[in-house]
Structures are given as structure tokens and as C-alpha cells.
Amino acid sequence: MAKPNEPKKAPEANPQPTQRPNVKWDTTNLRSSYANFCNANSTREEVVLNFGVNKTWERGSQDALDIELNHRIVLSPFAAKRLSDLMQQLMKEYETRYGALPEK
């Protein structure tokens, strides 16, 4: 029994496990393409990723590279941060499976 001068305690809530919603993937308009080049830049409000193909086949010193840009993805900084975390986890799993990649 609570004493007259004691503050009442809030009833303890039984925390329910967080349930993730089911995601339905709509692949009706999904297109796949290959990229071996990626460029990124940002402003305060957005992060821009450009994807394309490096068409310069000769190795060694080049005066210029022939890059064909095919896709531009514009993200909010929050979505870019989530993408960064996802890519880091993916690469950690990849290197665990197949071995470490050289730094550059």
C-alpha cells in the first residue's frame, strides 16, 4: 500500500516486441543495369549518386576516361546514411565469405 506522501508509480507496461511490417515488393517496373563507375556529391539537403560504365578499356595512364553515366539517384541525407550502413554490412558479409578486398 502506498504511503500518503509517496509519489505513485506509473504502472509498468509490458513492452511488446517490435514487429516489422510485411513488405510487398512491386517489381513491375524494375530494370537491372550494370555499373562499374560511381560518383557522389552532396548538398545540405540531398546526396546525389551517379552510376555509369567506364568505357575506357586500356589500362595505364590515360589523358581522359570515357564514362557513360546511366543513372542518377538522389537521396535525403537520412536515406544516404541508411544506405551507407547497409553497404558496410554487405561488404563485411562479402569479405567474410570470399576474403578481404584490397583497400584500393
Protein backbone atom coordinates (compact mmCIF):
# COMPACT_ATOMS: atom_id res chain seq x y z
CA MET A 1 0.00 0.00 0.00
CA ALA A 2 1.36 3.45 -0.91
CA LYS A 3 2.01 5.88 1.93
CA PRO A 4 0.23 9.27 1.74
CA ASN A 5 3.41 11.28 0.91
CA GLU A 6 4.93 8.80 -1.57
CA PRO A 7 4.53 9.57 -5.29
CA LYS A 8 2.50 6.98 -7.13
CA LYS A 9 4.42 4.80 -9.54
CA ALA A 10 3.21 4.52 -13.09
CA PRO A 11 2.02 1.03 -13.91
CA GLU A 12 4.76 -0.95 -15.59
CA ALA A 13 3.97 -1.57 -19.22
CA ASN A 14 4.85 -4.91 -20.69
CA PRO A 15 6.93 -3.93 -23.71
CA GLN A 16 5.74 -5.74 -26.78
CA PRO A 17 8.41 -6.91 -29.20
CA THR A 18 8.63 -4.56 -32.16
CA GLN A 19 7.03 -6.22 -35.13
CA ARG A 20 8.28 -5.29 -38.57
CA PRO A 21 5.61 -4.75 -41.19
CA ASN A 22 5.39 -7.16 -44.07
CA VAL A 23 6.88 -5.60 -47.20
CA LYS A 24 5.41 -6.33 -50.60
CA TRP A 25 7.99 -5.75 -53.34
CA ASP A 26 6.46 -4.45 -56.57
CA THR A 27 8.93 -5.35 -59.32
CA THR A 28 6.67 -4.42 -62.21
CA ASN A 29 8.91 -1.53 -63.36
CA LEU A 30 12.21 -2.90 -62.06
CA ARG A 31 15.09 -2.75 -64.54
CA SER A 32 18.57 -4.13 -63.97
CA SER A 33 21.68 -2.49 -65.33
CA TYR A 34 25.41 -2.81 -64.85
CA ALA A 35 27.68 -0.10 -63.44
CA ASN A 36 31.42 -0.17 -62.82
CA PHE A 37 31.63 3.54 -62.00
CA CYS A 38 30.02 5.57 -59.24
CA ASN A 39 30.40 9.24 -58.40
CA ALA A 40 28.83 11.05 -55.44
CA ASN A 41 28.32 14.61 -54.24
CA SER A 42 26.04 16.32 -51.79
CA THR A 43 24.39 19.48 -50.59
CA ARG A 44 22.87 20.14 -47.19
CA GLU A 45 19.52 18.73 -48.37
CA GLU A 46 20.49 15.83 -50.63
CA VAL A 47 23.07 13.26 -51.62
CA VAL A 48 23.45 12.52 -55.33
CA LEU A 49 24.84 9.24 -56.67
CA ASN A 50 25.68 8.92 -60.36
CA PHE A 51 26.19 5.45 -61.82
CA GLY A 52 27.65 4.52 -65.16
CA VAL A 53 30.09 2.48 -67.19
CA ASN A 54 33.77 3.22 -67.70
CA LYS A 55 34.23 2.55 -71.42
CA THR A 56 38.00 3.08 -71.37
CA TRP A 57 39.44 -0.39 -71.85
CA GLU A 58 43.13 0.44 -71.97
CA ARG A 59 44.92 0.16 -68.65
CA GLY A 60 47.64 2.52 -67.52
CA SER A 61 47.99 6.26 -67.71
CA GLN A 62 45.15 7.96 -69.60
CA ASP A 63 44.64 11.57 -70.57
CA ALA A 64 40.87 11.14 -70.32
CA LEU A 65 38.34 8.49 -69.35
CA ASP A 66 35.21 7.77 -71.33
CA ILE A 67 32.41 7.40 -68.74
CA GLU A 68 28.82 6.88 -69.82
CA LEU A 69 26.51 7.95 -66.98
CA ASN A 70 23.26 5.98 -66.96
CA HIS A 71 21.55 6.58 -63.63
CA ARG A 72 21.30 9.33 -61.04
CA ILE A 73 19.86 8.56 -57.62
CA VAL A 74 19.01 11.50 -55.33
CA LEU A 75 18.65 10.66 -51.63
CA SER A 76 17.93 12.54 -48.45
CA PRO A 77 20.92 12.56 -46.07
CA PHE A 78 18.96 10.21 -43.78
CA ALA A 79 18.38 7.68 -46.57
CA ALA A 80 22.05 8.03 -47.62
CA LYS A 81 23.14 7.23 -44.07
CA ARG A 82 20.96 4.11 -44.04
CA LEU A 83 22.39 3.12 -47.45
CA SER A 84 25.93 3.61 -46.12
CA ASP A 85 25.21 1.38 -43.11
CA LEU A 86 23.64 -1.24 -45.38
CA MET A 87 26.62 -1.23 -47.77
CA GLN A 88 29.13 -1.51 -44.91
CA GLN A 89 27.27 -4.54 -43.53
CA LEU A 90 27.00 -6.08 -47.00
CA MET A 91 30.75 -5.69 -47.63
CA LYS A 92 31.58 -7.16 -44.22
CA GLU A 93 29.49 -10.23 -45.10
CA TYR A 94 31.05 -10.41 -48.58
CA GLU A 95 34.62 -10.33 -47.21
CA THR A 96 33.78 -12.92 -44.57
CA ARG A 97 32.55 -15.22 -47.31
CA TYR A 98 35.10 -14.53 -50.06
CA GLY A 99 38.08 -12.88 -48.40
CA ALA A 100 39.18 -9.31 -47.93
CA LEU A 101 39.33 -6.96 -50.88
CA PRO A 102 42.39 -4.73 -51.33
CA GLU A 103 41.95 -1.23 -49.94
CA LYS A 104 42.10 0.48 -53.38
